[in-house]
Amino acid sequence: MKKFTLMAALFAVFACSPATKDPVKPDPTPEPTPEEPTVTVPAFAKGADIGWASEMEAGGRKFVKKDGTSAALLDVLKDCGINAIRLRVWVNPYKGWSGKEDVVAVGKKVTAAGLPLMVDFHYSDFFADPSRQKIPAVWEADAGDMDKMCQHVTDHTTEVLKALKDAGVSVNWVQIGNETRGGMLFPLGQLVYSNKGSEFTGFVKLYNAGYNAAKAVYPKALVMPHIDKAFDASNDAWWFTSFKNQGGKFDMVALSHYPQESWDGNTQLDANTANTRALSNIRSLNSTLKVPIMVSEVGVKTPAGETTAKQVLKAFVDELKQIEGCAGVFYWEPEVDGSWRPEVYTNPTELTRLTGVTQSGWWNAYGQGAFTAGGKPTSVMDVFAD
């Protein structure tokens, strides 16, 4: 009885159907993928890292050109010969400075000014460097899970870069990790030097997660690892060669160079010696690795003597521009004056939370800026005018 009823119903349906089928409706038109924004990338980048700029401006800092004309910081920097900008990004920073929203806001201004941009991922809530690669607080529950940590790196990299792309920002270089000589996201990504032959295993997994995510959003961007001590030829060569041999991906490599505070073991190098060694190392790395070399951080001690600082920087940059395989150099935070400090530097409790190390007091101001307290470039910035 049930079978008869079912067959009758089916017969009725087909009998009442039109002779021809309705055409299949096409899928909705997919949302167009934003075009990758572009600006002209100079053959040699004369850049500035200005991660503190938005906090300074929010606090009332004004800037003026060398002739005393008031102007926005980017216009002042362009007037000095700066042709590229670098911005760091933290995961959940103090009051949002150098967080995603801050970086997007500044990045929009950078692109509007026609300047190419480097995005420097620290994968931390605060500065990452050779001695400090602290996992962001919101990722700490997964500190022992490599798969989850790689996913965090992928998600964070994608989220920040997609926000920049959706805002129409041109991203031309991406740095995966900051000064990662000892690795990143400790302990999972820490290089274990006692385990010769596999030091880079964890680090490369994490780094490559960031590399792949960056290329997925900005395929044309050049993506790179970054280590300190540009003067340290033998160790730098070992590091990059080992990184490459164990699967690390890169389009260029980045170095930091602070000639007036370069230490070879327990010995502080003379600035001229540090410069000479760094320049030789850059030539050698370019020849060995067959990729461009970027000096993504440089700084000189202006409070100790502006004239000397300018001479040291000029000697380095002038020679750097003659190296065919060098893509450029970025001065780290030139817009400060040796006395201005970010608010968090005056808060030992927050510094303890962000660094994971108990802080007994506040931090001093950065001493390698190249502007006056009145927001005017010093003669150090003349180095970039040529």
Protein backbone atom coordinates (compact mmCIF):
# COMPACT_ATOMS: atom_id res chain seq x y z
CA MET A 1 0.00 0.00 0.00
CA LYS A 2 2.84 2.40 0.88
CA LYS A 3 4.68 1.50 -2.35
CA PHE A 4 1.56 2.21 -4.46
CA THR A 5 1.04 5.60 -2.84
CA LEU A 6 4.67 6.59 -3.42
CA MET A 7 4.62 5.58 -7.08
CA ALA A 8 1.37 7.44 -7.69
CA ALA A 9 2.80 10.57 -6.14
CA LEU A 10 5.93 10.41 -8.26
CA PHE A 11 3.83 9.92 -11.41
CA ALA A 12 1.78 13.00 -10.56
CA VAL A 13 4.87 15.11 -10.06
CA PHE A 14 6.44 14.18 -13.39
CA ALA A 15 3.11 14.47 -15.23
CA CYS A 16 2.71 18.06 -14.08
CA SER A 17 6.31 19.06 -14.87
CA PRO A 18 6.98 21.29 -17.92
CA ALA A 19 8.55 19.71 -20.96
CA THR A 20 11.76 21.70 -20.56
CA LYS A 21 13.77 22.31 -17.39
CA ASP A 22 14.35 25.71 -15.89
CA PRO A 23 17.95 26.76 -16.58
CA VAL A 24 20.30 26.15 -13.69
CA LYS A 25 20.92 29.39 -11.85
CA PRO A 26 24.60 30.35 -11.87
CA ASP A 27 26.46 30.70 -8.58
CA PRO A 28 26.51 34.22 -7.19
CA THR A 29 29.38 36.25 -8.58
CA PRO A 30 32.26 35.90 -6.10
CA GLU A 31 33.53 38.97 -4.35
CA PRO A 32 36.45 40.38 -6.33
CA THR A 33 39.84 39.93 -4.73
CA PRO A 34 41.38 43.33 -3.98
CA GLU A 35 44.10 44.24 -6.42
CA GLU A 36 47.54 44.20 -4.88
CA PRO A 37 48.31 47.89 -4.38
CA THR A 38 51.59 49.06 -5.83
CA VAL A 39 54.00 51.94 -5.44
CA THR A 40 57.36 52.47 -7.06
CA VAL A 41 60.10 50.60 -5.22
CA PRO A 42 63.47 52.36 -5.41
CA ALA A 43 66.56 50.52 -6.60
CA PHE A 44 68.09 51.38 -3.21
CA ALA A 45 65.77 51.94 -0.24
CA LYS A 46 66.75 54.81 2.05
CA GLY A 47 64.22 53.99 4.71
CA ALA A 48 63.04 54.88 8.19
CA ASP A 49 61.40 52.69 10.82
CA ILE A 50 58.80 54.95 12.48
CA GLY A 51 56.91 52.61 14.81
CA TRP A 52 56.70 55.26 17.54
CA ALA A 53 55.40 58.02 15.27
CA SER A 54 51.67 57.60 15.90
CA GLU A 55 52.12 57.62 19.69
CA MET A 56 54.32 60.70 19.45
CA GLU A 57 51.77 62.53 17.30
CA ALA A 58 48.93 61.51 19.62
CA GLY A 59 50.92 63.06 22.45
CA GLY A 60 51.21 66.36 20.58
CA ARG A 61 54.59 66.06 18.90
CA LYS A 62 54.86 68.24 15.78
CA PHE A 63 57.46 67.97 13.04
CA VAL A 64 59.18 70.52 10.83
CA LYS A 65 61.32 70.31 7.72
CA LYS A 66 64.96 71.34 7.67
CA ASP A 67 63.91 74.86 6.57
CA GLY A 68 61.60 75.16 9.59
CA THR A 69 58.34 74.61 7.68
CA SER A 70 55.74 72.65 9.64
CA ALA A 71 54.79 69.37 7.94
CA ALA A 72 53.59 65.83 8.56
CA LEU A 73 56.37 63.43 9.54
CA LEU A 74 56.26 61.53 6.25
CA ASP A 75 56.72 64.79 4.32
CA VAL A 76 59.61 65.75 6.58
CA LEU A 77 61.25 62.39 6.00
CA LYS A 78 60.75 62.60 2.24
CA ASP A 79 62.34 66.04 2.33
CA CYS A 80 65.36 64.39 3.95
CA GLY A 81 65.63 61.85 1.13
CA ILE A 82 63.80 58.97 2.82
CA ASN A 83 62.02 56.84 0.20
CA ALA A 84 60.69 53.85 2.17
CA ILE A 85 59.09 53.11 5.56
CA ARG A 86 59.25 50.16 7.97
CA LEU A 87 56.61 49.41 10.61
CA ARG A 88 56.72 46.73 13.30
CA VAL A 89 53.58 44.88 14.32
CA TRP A 90 52.83 43.32 17.69
CA VAL A 91 49.96 40.97 18.55
CA ASN A 92 48.36 42.62 21.60
CA PRO A 93 50.52 45.60 22.55
CA TYR A 94 50.22 48.21 25.28
CA LYS A 95 47.34 50.55 24.38
CA GLY A 96 47.37 49.25 20.82
CA TRP A 97 50.55 51.04 19.68
CA SER A 98 52.12 48.99 16.86
CA GLY A 99 49.08 46.70 16.85
CA LYS A 100 47.12 45.83 13.71
CA GLU A 101 44.86 48.90 13.71
CA ASP A 102 47.75 51.27 14.35
CA VAL A 103 49.84 49.72 11.57
CA VAL A 104 46.93 49.91 9.10
CA ALA A 105 46.31 53.58 9.95
CA VAL A 106 49.97 54.50 9.43
CA GLY A 107 50.29 52.19 6.43
CA LYS A 108 47.49 54.05 4.64
CA LYS A 109 49.42 57.30 5.07
CA VAL A 110 52.60 55.66 3.80
CA THR A 111 50.95 54.44 0.60
CA ALA A 112 49.18 57.79 0.13
CA ALA A 113 52.61 59.41 0.31
CA GLY A 114 53.82 57.10 -2.48
CA LEU A 115 56.30 55.26 -0.25
CA PRO A 116 56.94 51.50 -0.26
CA LEU A 117 56.42 49.70 3.06
CA MET A 118 58.15 46.95 5.02
CA VAL A 119 56.07 45.15 7.66
CA ASP A 120 58.13 43.68 10.49
CA PHE A 121 56.34 40.86 12.35
CA HIS A 122 57.64 40.34 15.90
CA TYR A 123 55.11 37.63 16.86
CA SER A 124 55.07 39.05 20.36
CA ASP A 125 53.27 41.72 22.37
CA PHE A 126 56.49 43.74 22.68
CA PHE A 127 59.98 43.95 21.21
CA ALA A 128 61.47 40.66 20.05
CA ASP A 129 65.26 40.49 19.87
CA PRO A 130 68.07 37.94 20.39
CA SER A 131 67.45 37.76 24.15
CA ARG A 132 63.66 38.08 24.15
CA GLN A 133 61.24 36.16 21.93
CA LYS A 134 58.22 36.03 24.25
CA ILE A 135 55.06 34.29 23.07
CA PRO A 136 52.05 36.65 22.90
CA ALA A 137 49.85 36.31 25.96
CA VAL A 138 46.85 35.09 23.97
CA TRP A 139 48.95 32.24 22.49
CA GLU A 140 50.59 31.11 25.73
CA ALA A 141 48.15 28.24 26.32
CA ASP A 142 49.56 26.62 23.16
CA ALA A 143 53.22 27.15 24.06
CA GLY A 144 53.95 23.41 23.76
CA ASP A 145 51.96 22.64 20.62
CA MET A 146 53.84 23.22 17.37
CA ASP A 147 50.83 22.74 15.09
CA LYS A 148 48.74 25.25 17.03
CA MET A 149 51.60 27.74 17.21
CA CYS A 150 52.13 27.51 13.45
CA GLN A 151 48.42 28.17 13.01
CA HIS A 152 48.68 31.25 15.24
CA VAL A 153 51.54 32.53 13.09
CA THR A 154 49.55 31.87 9.93
CA ASP A 155 46.38 33.48 11.24
CA HIS A 156 48.10 36.57 12.65
CA THR A 157 50.19 37.15 9.53
CA THR A 158 47.16 36.70 7.29
CA GLU A 159 44.92 38.91 9.42
CA VAL A 160 47.34 41.84 9.53
CA LEU A 161 48.33 41.70 5.88
CA LYS A 162 44.76 41.21 4.68
CA ALA A 163 43.70 44.25 6.72
CA LEU A 164 46.47 46.25 5.05
CA LYS A 165 45.56 45.01 1.60
CA ASP A 166 41.85 45.68 2.12
CA ALA A 167 42.81 49.23 3.17
CA GLY A 168 44.71 49.73 -0.08
CA VAL A 169 48.18 49.66 1.48
CA SER A 170 51.14 48.65 -0.65
CA VAL A 171 53.32 46.14 1.21
CA ASN A 172 56.58 45.55 -0.59
CA TRP A 173 58.68 43.70 1.98
CA VAL A 174 57.69 41.43 4.87
CA GLN A 175 60.01 40.46 7.69
CA ILE A 176 59.09 37.20 9.47
CA GLY A 177 60.39 37.57 13.02
CA ASN A 178 62.67 40.24 14.44
CA GLU A 179 66.37 39.62 15.17
CA THR A 180 65.82 35.88 15.27
CA ARG A 181 69.44 34.76 15.60
CA GLY A 182 68.33 32.49 18.46
CA GLY A 183 64.97 31.65 16.91
CA MET A 184 61.48 32.93 17.71
CA LEU A 185 58.47 32.12 19.89
CA PHE A 186 60.52 30.45 22.62
CA PRO A 187 60.67 27.61 23.49
CA LEU A 188 59.16 25.96 20.38
CA GLY A 189 61.10 28.04 17.89
CA GLN A 190 64.32 28.38 19.85
CA LEU A 191 67.52 27.24 18.18
CA VAL A 192 69.15 24.48 20.22
CA TYR A 193 72.83 24.77 19.45
CA SER A 194 73.77 21.59 21.33
CA ASN A 195 71.77 19.59 18.77
CA LYS A 196 74.04 20.11 15.75
CA GLY A 197 72.32 19.45 12.46
CA SER A 198 68.77 20.13 13.55
CA GLU A 199 68.98 23.48 15.32
CA PHE A 200 66.52 25.12 12.95
CA THR A 201 63.79 22.47 12.88
CA GLY A 202 61.23 24.22 15.11
CA PHE A 203 62.14 27.71 14.00
CA VAL A 204 61.84 26.89 10.29
CA LYS A 205 58.35 25.42 10.79
CA LEU A 206 57.17 28.60 12.48
CA TYR A 207 59.00 30.93 10.11
CA ASN A 208 57.72 29.13 7.01
CA ALA A 209 54.16 29.37 8.33
CA GLY A 210 54.62 33.14 8.31
CA TYR A 211 56.38 33.14 4.94
CA ASN A 212 53.61 31.14 3.26
CA ALA A 213 50.89 33.31 4.79
CA ALA A 214 52.62 36.50 3.64
CA LYS A 215 53.03 35.26 0.07
CA ALA A 216 49.38 34.17 -0.02
CA VAL A 217 48.22 37.74 0.65
CA TYR A 218 50.99 39.73 -1.06
CA PRO A 219 52.54 37.38 -3.67
CA LYS A 220 54.85 40.09 -5.01
CA ALA A 221 56.24 41.11 -1.62
CA LEU A 222 59.80 40.06 -0.81
CA VAL A 223 59.78 38.04 2.41
CA MET A 224 62.82 37.65 4.63
CA PRO A 225 64.34 36.45 7.91
CA HIS A 226 66.20 38.97 10.07
CA ILE A 227 69.17 38.66 12.42
CA ASP A 228 71.39 41.11 14.30
CA LYS A 229 75.16 41.71 14.10
CA ALA A 230 75.76 42.55 10.47
CA PHE A 231 79.48 42.60 11.24
CA ASP A 232 79.63 38.94 12.37
CA ALA A 233 80.61 37.28 9.07
CA SER A 234 81.34 33.70 10.10
CA ASN A 235 78.30 33.29 12.33
CA ASP A 236 75.97 35.07 9.89
CA ALA A 237 77.09 32.83 7.03
CA TRP A 238 76.56 29.71 9.16
CA TRP A 239 73.14 30.93 10.28
CA PHE A 240 71.70 31.71 6.85
CA THR A 241 73.25 28.64 5.21
CA SER A 242 71.89 26.36 7.93
CA PHE A 243 68.50 28.05 7.75
CA LYS A 244 68.38 27.52 3.99
CA ASN A 245 69.62 23.93 4.14
CA GLN A 246 66.95 23.01 6.68
CA GLY A 247 64.11 24.33 4.53
CA GLY A 248 63.83 28.02 5.33
CA LYS A 249 62.22 30.04 2.54
CA PHE A 250 63.31 33.58 1.70
CA ASP A 251 63.42 36.13 -1.09
CA MET A 252 66.04 38.32 0.60
CA VAL A 253 67.67 38.50 4.03
CA ALA A 254 67.78 41.31 6.58
CA LEU A 255 70.42 42.47 9.05
CA SER A 256 70.69 44.95 11.91
CA HIS A 257 73.75 47.20 12.24
CA TYR A 258 74.52 49.57 15.11
CA PRO A 259 78.18 50.44 14.50
CA GLN A 260 78.73 52.34 17.75
CA GLU A 261 77.50 49.48 19.90
CA SER A 262 78.80 46.41 18.06
CA TRP A 263 80.24 43.77 20.37
CA ASP A 264 82.38 40.86 19.22
CA GLY A 265 82.12 38.62 22.26
CA ASN A 266 83.22 40.78 25.19
CA THR A 267 85.03 43.29 22.99
CA GLN A 268 83.33 46.44 21.72
CA LEU A 269 84.40 47.16 18.18
CA ASP A 270 85.50 50.55 16.95
CA ALA A 271 82.70 51.99 14.76
CA ASN A 272 84.90 52.07 11.68
CA THR A 273 85.89 48.44 12.21
CA ALA A 274 82.26 47.46 12.67
CA ASN A 275 81.33 49.23 9.43
CA THR A 276 84.17 47.60 7.48
CA ARG A 277 83.26 44.14 8.71
CA ALA A 278 79.55 44.66 8.02
CA LEU A 279 80.13 45.86 4.46
CA SER A 280 82.39 42.91 3.72
CA ASN A 281 79.84 40.52 5.20
CA ILE A 282 77.01 41.95 3.11
CA ARG A 283 79.01 41.44 -0.08
CA SER A 284 79.83 37.90 0.93
CA LEU A 285 76.27 36.97 1.89
CA ASN A 286 74.92 38.32 -1.37
CA SER A 287 77.45 36.24 -3.30
CA THR A 288 76.74 33.07 -1.29
CA LEU A 289 72.95 33.26 -0.93
CA LYS A 290 72.20 34.77 -4.35
CA VAL A 291 69.51 37.07 -2.93
CA PRO A 292 69.44 40.79 -2.10
CA ILE A 293 70.56 41.91 1.35
CA MET A 294 68.55 44.51 3.29
CA VAL A 295 69.93 46.41 6.28
CA SER A 296 66.55 46.74 7.96
CA GLU A 297 67.94 48.50 11.04
CA VAL A 298 70.77 50.97 11.47
CA GLY A 299 71.35 53.60 14.15
CA VAL A 300 74.09 55.86 15.47
CA LYS A 301 74.52 57.49 18.88
CA THR A 302 73.55 61.09 18.27
CA PRO A 303 73.60 62.30 21.92
CA ALA A 304 77.26 61.26 22.10
CA GLY A 305 78.13 63.63 19.27
CA GLU A 306 76.10 64.57 16.22
CA THR A 307 79.12 65.20 14.01
CA THR A 308 80.70 61.84 14.80
CA ALA A 309 77.38 60.05 14.43
CA LYS A 310 76.87 61.56 10.99
CA GLN A 311 80.38 60.60 9.89
CA VAL A 312 79.91 57.00 11.04
CA LEU A 313 76.54 56.67 9.30
CA LYS A 314 77.69 58.37 6.10
CA ALA A 315 80.74 56.13 5.81
CA PHE A 316 78.49 53.08 6.05
CA VAL A 317 75.64 54.21 3.80
CA ASP A 318 77.88 55.61 1.07
CA GLU A 319 79.67 52.28 0.73
CA LEU A 320 76.41 50.32 1.07
CA LYS A 321 74.96 52.09 -1.96
CA GLN A 322 77.89 50.83 -4.04
CA ILE A 323 77.10 47.17 -3.31
CA GLU A 324 75.04 45.88 -6.22
CA GLY A 325 73.38 43.18 -4.13
CA CYS A 326 72.24 45.50 -1.34
CA ALA A 327 68.57 46.50 -1.50
CA GLY A 328 68.75 49.35 1.01
CA VAL A 329 68.97 50.50 4.61
CA PHE A 330 66.39 51.64 7.20
CA TYR A 331 67.24 54.02 10.04
CA TRP A 332 65.57 52.80 13.22
CA GLU A 333 63.29 55.42 14.83
CA PRO A 334 65.04 58.58 13.56
CA GLU A 335 62.11 60.81 14.62
CA VAL A 336 62.97 60.70 18.35
CA ASP A 337 65.35 63.04 20.15
CA GLY A 338 67.09 61.14 22.96
CA SER A 339 64.63 62.25 25.64
CA TRP A 340 61.17 61.24 24.38
CA ARG A 341 59.98 57.84 25.65
CA PRO A 342 56.91 55.75 24.83
CA GLU A 343 54.51 55.69 27.75
CA VAL A 344 55.10 52.01 28.49
CA TYR A 345 58.78 52.76 29.27
CA THR A 346 57.62 54.63 32.37
CA ASN A 347 55.50 51.72 33.63
CA PRO A 348 57.62 48.97 35.29
CA THR A 349 54.55 46.80 35.91
CA GLU A 350 53.64 46.72 32.24
CA LEU A 351 57.27 46.23 31.23
CA THR A 352 57.42 43.19 33.51
CA ARG A 353 54.26 41.75 31.96
CA LEU A 354 55.40 42.37 28.40
CA THR A 355 58.98 41.15 28.80
CA GLY A 356 58.39 38.32 31.26
CA VAL A 357 61.30 39.67 33.33
CA THR A 358 60.87 41.66 36.54
CA GLN A 359 61.63 45.33 35.92
CA SER A 360 62.88 47.33 38.90
CA GLY A 361 62.27 50.68 37.24
CA TRP A 362 61.43 52.46 34.01
CA TRP A 363 63.43 52.27 30.81
CA ASN A 364 65.60 55.08 29.48
CA ALA A 365 64.89 56.91 26.24
CA TYR A 366 66.34 55.58 22.98
CA GLY A 367 69.62 57.32 22.32
CA GLN A 368 70.03 56.92 18.57
CA GLY A 369 67.32 59.16 17.18
CA ALA A 370 68.14 61.80 14.58
CA PHE A 371 65.65 64.63 15.28
CA THR A 372 65.61 67.46 17.80
CA ALA A 373 63.07 67.84 20.60
CA GLY A 374 61.38 70.40 18.36
CA GLY A 375 60.71 67.75 15.71
CA LYS A 376 63.38 68.94 13.27
CA PRO A 377 65.86 66.62 11.50
CA THR A 378 69.46 66.85 12.66
CA SER A 379 72.41 66.81 10.29
CA VAL A 380 72.51 63.00 10.63
CA MET A 381 69.53 62.87 8.26
CA ASP A 382 71.58 64.66 5.60
CA VAL A 383 73.17 61.27 4.90
CA PHE A 384 69.97 60.23 3.08
CA ALA A 385 69.76 63.34 0.90
CA ASP A 386 72.18 62.08 -1.74
